[in-house]
Amino acid sequence: MILNLDFNSDVPIYTQIKEQIIKSIASGDLKLNESLPSVRNMAEEIGVNLHTVNKSYNLLKDEGYINIDRRKGAIVNNLPLDKKDENVEKIKSTLELLTAQSYLLGMSKEEFIDYSNKLFDKYGVKDYE
């Protein structure tokens, strides 16, 4: 698994790992029931402390993206996740902040919507009932 980490970023490394794994799952690079590298192997591969990777994996587990089994390791969960009210509220909150930041940084509504549509296409997002 190839991760592109920015060690100079203000975004913590564990967050970068988590977000890139989520993107890999959404894009289909990581498939249902596919195993992620062990915490130790991932840490060695990307050159970080194993506690950093462990924190990322635990956050992914807590959010429902992966299951962690002592024998099998970290495995991609069945997706899409259940549409729970708490997940919807979290997404709405994140989207509100992102919209405000986009506005303050000069992105037009049309640019924002156009780019959002491109991302939906990139990840093959479908309407789920």
C-alpha atoms as a PDB file:
ATOM      1  CA  MET A   1       0.000   0.000   0.000  1.00  0.00           C
ATOM      2  CA  ILE A   2       1.435   3.332  -1.059  1.00  0.00           C
ATOM      3  CA  LEU A   3       0.753   6.325   1.150  1.00  0.00           C
ATOM      4  CA  ASN A   4       1.939   9.836   0.414  1.00  0.00           C
ATOM      5  CA  LEU A   5       2.565  11.481   3.753  1.00  0.00           C
ATOM      6  CA  ASP A   6       3.548  15.096   4.219  1.00  0.00           C
ATOM      7  CA  PHE A   7       5.758  15.214   7.296  1.00  0.00           C
ATOM      8  CA  ASN A   8       5.781  19.034   7.102  1.00  0.00           C
ATOM      9  CA  SER A   9       1.989  19.324   7.191  1.00  0.00           C
ATOM     10  CA  ASP A  10       0.015  20.633  10.151  1.00  0.00           C
ATOM     11  CA  VAL A  11      -2.228  17.564   9.725  1.00  0.00           C
ATOM     12  CA  PRO A  12      -1.075  14.827  12.114  1.00  0.00           C
ATOM     13  CA  ILE A  13       0.473  11.758  10.467  1.00  0.00           C
ATOM     14  CA  TYR A  14      -2.119   9.409  11.994  1.00  0.00           C
ATOM     15  CA  THR A  15      -4.874  11.532  10.410  1.00  0.00           C
ATOM     16  CA  GLN A  16      -3.126  11.487   7.037  1.00  0.00           C
ATOM     17  CA  ILE A  17      -2.853   7.691   7.213  1.00  0.00           C
ATOM     18  CA  LYS A  18      -6.507   7.340   8.180  1.00  0.00           C
ATOM     19  CA  GLU A  19      -7.716   9.675   5.432  1.00  0.00           C
ATOM     20  CA  GLN A  20      -5.637   7.995   2.735  1.00  0.00           C
ATOM     21  CA  ILE A  21      -6.927   4.558   3.730  1.00  0.00           C
ATOM     22  CA  ILE A  22     -10.510   5.870   3.562  1.00  0.00           C
ATOM     23  CA  LYS A  23      -9.808   7.229   0.063  1.00  0.00           C
ATOM     24  CA  SER A  24      -8.288   3.884  -0.968  1.00  0.00           C
ATOM     25  CA  ILE A  25     -11.401   2.062   0.223  1.00  0.00           C
ATOM     26  CA  ALA A  26     -13.713   4.536  -1.532  1.00  0.00           C
ATOM     27  CA  SER A  27     -11.768   4.321  -4.799  1.00  0.00           C
ATOM     28  CA  GLY A  28     -11.764   0.531  -4.743  1.00  0.00           C
ATOM     29  CA  ASP A  29      -7.993   0.224  -4.330  1.00  0.00           C
ATOM     30  CA  LEU A  30      -8.785  -1.584  -1.078  1.00  0.00           C
ATOM     31  CA  LYS A  31     -11.583  -4.130  -1.440  1.00  0.00           C
ATOM     32  CA  LEU A  32     -14.087  -5.676   0.947  1.00  0.00           C
ATOM     33  CA  ASN A  33     -12.390  -8.185   3.271  1.00  0.00           C
ATOM     34  CA  GLU A  34      -8.933  -7.164   2.042  1.00  0.00           C
ATOM     35  CA  SER A  35      -6.272  -7.106   4.721  1.00  0.00           C
ATOM     36  CA  LEU A  36      -4.305  -3.986   5.463  1.00  0.00           C
ATOM     37  CA  PRO A  37      -0.610  -4.356   6.237  1.00  0.00           C
ATOM     38  CA  SER A  38       0.119  -5.207   9.855  1.00  0.00           C
ATOM     39  CA  VAL A  39       0.728  -2.227  12.122  1.00  0.00           C
ATOM     40  CA  ARG A  40       4.419  -3.119  12.300  1.00  0.00           C
ATOM     41  CA  ASN A  41       4.797  -3.557   8.527  1.00  0.00           C
ATOM     42  CA  MET A  42       2.938  -0.333   7.745  1.00  0.00           C
ATOM     43  CA  ALA A  43       5.038   1.592  10.267  1.00  0.00           C
ATOM     44  CA  GLU A  44       8.270   0.246   8.773  1.00  0.00           C
ATOM     45  CA  GLU A  45       7.086   0.850   5.203  1.00  0.00           C
ATOM     46  CA  ILE A  46       6.242   4.516   5.764  1.00  0.00           C
ATOM     47  CA  GLY A  47       8.875   5.243   8.403  1.00  0.00           C
ATOM     48  CA  VAL A  48       6.739   6.135  11.400  1.00  0.00           C
ATOM     49  CA  ASN A  49       6.281   4.865  14.930  1.00  0.00           C
ATOM     50  CA  LEU A  50       4.006   1.828  15.161  1.00  0.00           C
ATOM     51  CA  HIS A  51       1.828   3.661  17.713  1.00  0.00           C
ATOM     52  CA  THR A  52       1.003   6.213  15.002  1.00  0.00           C
ATOM     53  CA  VAL A  53      -0.263   3.484  12.662  1.00  0.00           C
ATOM     54  CA  ASN A  54      -2.058   1.772  15.539  1.00  0.00           C
ATOM     55  CA  LYS A  55      -3.901   5.005  16.327  1.00  0.00           C
ATOM     56  CA  SER A  56      -4.968   5.324  12.675  1.00  0.00           C
ATOM     57  CA  TYR A  57      -6.214   1.742  12.553  1.00  0.00           C
ATOM     58  CA  ASN A  58      -8.152   2.136  15.802  1.00  0.00           C
ATOM     59  CA  LEU A  59      -9.840   5.304  14.517  1.00  0.00           C
ATOM     60  CA  LEU A  60     -10.763   3.492  11.290  1.00  0.00           C
ATOM     61  CA  LYS A  61     -12.187   0.645  13.370  1.00  0.00           C
ATOM     62  CA  ASP A  62     -14.131   3.021  15.616  1.00  0.00           C
ATOM     63  CA  GLU A  63     -15.624   4.706  12.538  1.00  0.00           C
ATOM     64  CA  GLY A  64     -16.586   1.344  11.003  1.00  0.00           C
ATOM     65  CA  TYR A  65     -14.240   1.276   8.004  1.00  0.00           C
ATOM     66  CA  ILE A  66     -12.265  -1.759   9.153  1.00  0.00           C
ATOM     67  CA  ASN A  67     -12.496  -4.654  11.569  1.00  0.00           C
ATOM     68  CA  ILE A  68      -9.515  -5.681  13.632  1.00  0.00           C
ATOM     69  CA  ASP A  69      -9.060  -9.348  14.442  1.00  0.00           C
ATOM     70  CA  ARG A  70      -6.133 -10.572  16.532  1.00  0.00           C
ATOM     71  CA  ARG A  71      -5.383 -13.388  14.097  1.00  0.00           C
ATOM     72  CA  LYS A  72      -6.376 -11.853  10.755  1.00  0.00           C
ATOM     73  CA  GLY A  73      -5.321  -8.265  11.418  1.00  0.00           C
ATOM     74  CA  ALA A  74      -7.080  -5.208   9.995  1.00  0.00           C
ATOM     75  CA  ILE A  75      -9.665  -6.029   7.328  1.00  0.00           C
ATOM     76  CA  VAL A  76     -11.800  -3.707   5.191  1.00  0.00           C
ATOM     77  CA  ASN A  77     -15.389  -3.712   6.401  1.00  0.00           C
ATOM     78  CA  ASN A  78     -18.554  -4.126   4.340  1.00  0.00           C
ATOM     79  CA  LEU A  79     -19.417  -0.794   2.748  1.00  0.00           C
ATOM     80  CA  PRO A  80     -21.293   1.452   2.486  1.00  0.00           C
ATOM     81  CA  LEU A  81     -21.623   1.808   6.215  1.00  0.00           C
ATOM     82  CA  ASP A  82     -25.050   1.929   7.747  1.00  0.00           C
ATOM     83  CA  LYS A  83     -26.558   5.362   7.368  1.00  0.00           C
ATOM     84  CA  LYS A  84     -26.672   6.265  11.023  1.00  0.00           C
ATOM     85  CA  ASP A  85     -27.856   9.646  12.213  1.00  0.00           C
ATOM     86  CA  GLU A  86     -24.544  10.236  13.984  1.00  0.00           C
ATOM     87  CA  ASN A  87     -22.612   9.643  10.747  1.00  0.00           C
ATOM     88  CA  VAL A  88     -24.892  11.973   8.794  1.00  0.00           C
ATOM     89  CA  GLU A  89     -24.492  14.704  11.411  1.00  0.00           C
ATOM     90  CA  LYS A  90     -20.713  14.312  11.381  1.00  0.00           C
ATOM     91  CA  ILE A  91     -20.649  14.648   7.588  1.00  0.00           C
ATOM     92  CA  LYS A  92     -22.934  17.687   7.692  1.00  0.00           C
ATOM     93  CA  SER A  93     -20.678  19.367  10.249  1.00  0.00           C
ATOM     94  CA  THR A  94     -17.543  18.619   8.214  1.00  0.00           C
ATOM     95  CA  LEU A  95     -19.228  19.789   5.017  1.00  0.00           C
ATOM     96  CA  GLU A  96     -20.348  23.022   6.653  1.00  0.00           C
ATOM     97  CA  LEU A  97     -16.796  23.815   7.736  1.00  0.00           C
ATOM     98  CA  LEU A  98     -15.417  22.879   4.320  1.00  0.00           C
ATOM     99  CA  THR A  99     -18.014  25.085   2.597  1.00  0.00           C
ATOM    100  CA  ALA A 100     -17.152  28.026   4.846  1.00  0.00           C
ATOM    101  CA  GLN A 101     -13.424  27.543   4.206  1.00  0.00           C
ATOM    102  CA  SER A 102     -14.013  27.299   0.462  1.00  0.00           C
ATOM    103  CA  TYR A 103     -16.002  30.536   0.497  1.00  0.00           C
ATOM    104  CA  LEU A 104     -13.372  32.362   2.558  1.00  0.00           C
ATOM    105  CA  LEU A 105     -10.617  31.157   0.239  1.00  0.00           C
ATOM    106  CA  GLY A 106     -12.423  32.477  -2.829  1.00  0.00           C
ATOM    107  CA  MET A 107     -13.983  29.364  -4.342  1.00  0.00           C
ATOM    108  CA  SER A 108     -17.305  30.047  -6.036  1.00  0.00           C
ATOM    109  CA  LYS A 109     -20.404  27.967  -5.389  1.00  0.00           C
ATOM    110  CA  GLU A 110     -20.246  26.669  -8.959  1.00  0.00           C
ATOM    111  CA  GLU A 111     -16.589  25.620  -8.565  1.00  0.00           C
ATOM    112  CA  PHE A 112     -17.380  23.920  -5.257  1.00  0.00           C
ATOM    113  CA  ILE A 113     -20.320  21.980  -6.696  1.00  0.00           C
ATOM    114  CA  ASP A 114     -18.420  21.101  -9.894  1.00  0.00           C
ATOM    115  CA  TYR A 115     -15.468  19.766  -7.920  1.00  0.00           C
ATOM    116  CA  SER A 116     -17.776  17.863  -5.546  1.00  0.00           C
ATOM    117  CA  ASN A 117     -19.450  16.209  -8.547  1.00  0.00           C
ATOM    118  CA  LYS A 118     -16.019  15.231  -9.926  1.00  0.00           C
ATOM    119  CA  LEU A 119     -15.155  13.618  -6.591  1.00  0.00           C
ATOM    120  CA  PHE A 120     -18.448  11.706  -6.546  1.00  0.00           C
ATOM    121  CA  ASP A 121     -17.592  10.435 -10.034  1.00  0.00           C
ATOM    122  CA  LYS A 122     -14.007   9.603  -9.031  1.00  0.00           C
ATOM    123  CA  TYR A 123     -15.181   7.428  -6.166  1.00  0.00           C
ATOM    124  CA  GLY A 124     -18.063   5.931  -8.123  1.00  0.00           C
ATOM    125  CA  VAL A 125     -20.595   7.208  -5.627  1.00  0.00           C
ATOM    126  CA  LYS A 126     -24.091   5.957  -6.264  1.00  0.00           C
ATOM    127  CA  ASP A 127     -27.348   6.901  -4.657  1.00  0.00           C
ATOM    128  CA  TYR A 128     -28.095   4.391  -1.921  1.00  0.00           C
ATOM    129  CA  GLU A 129     -31.600   3.685  -0.782  1.00  0.00           C
END
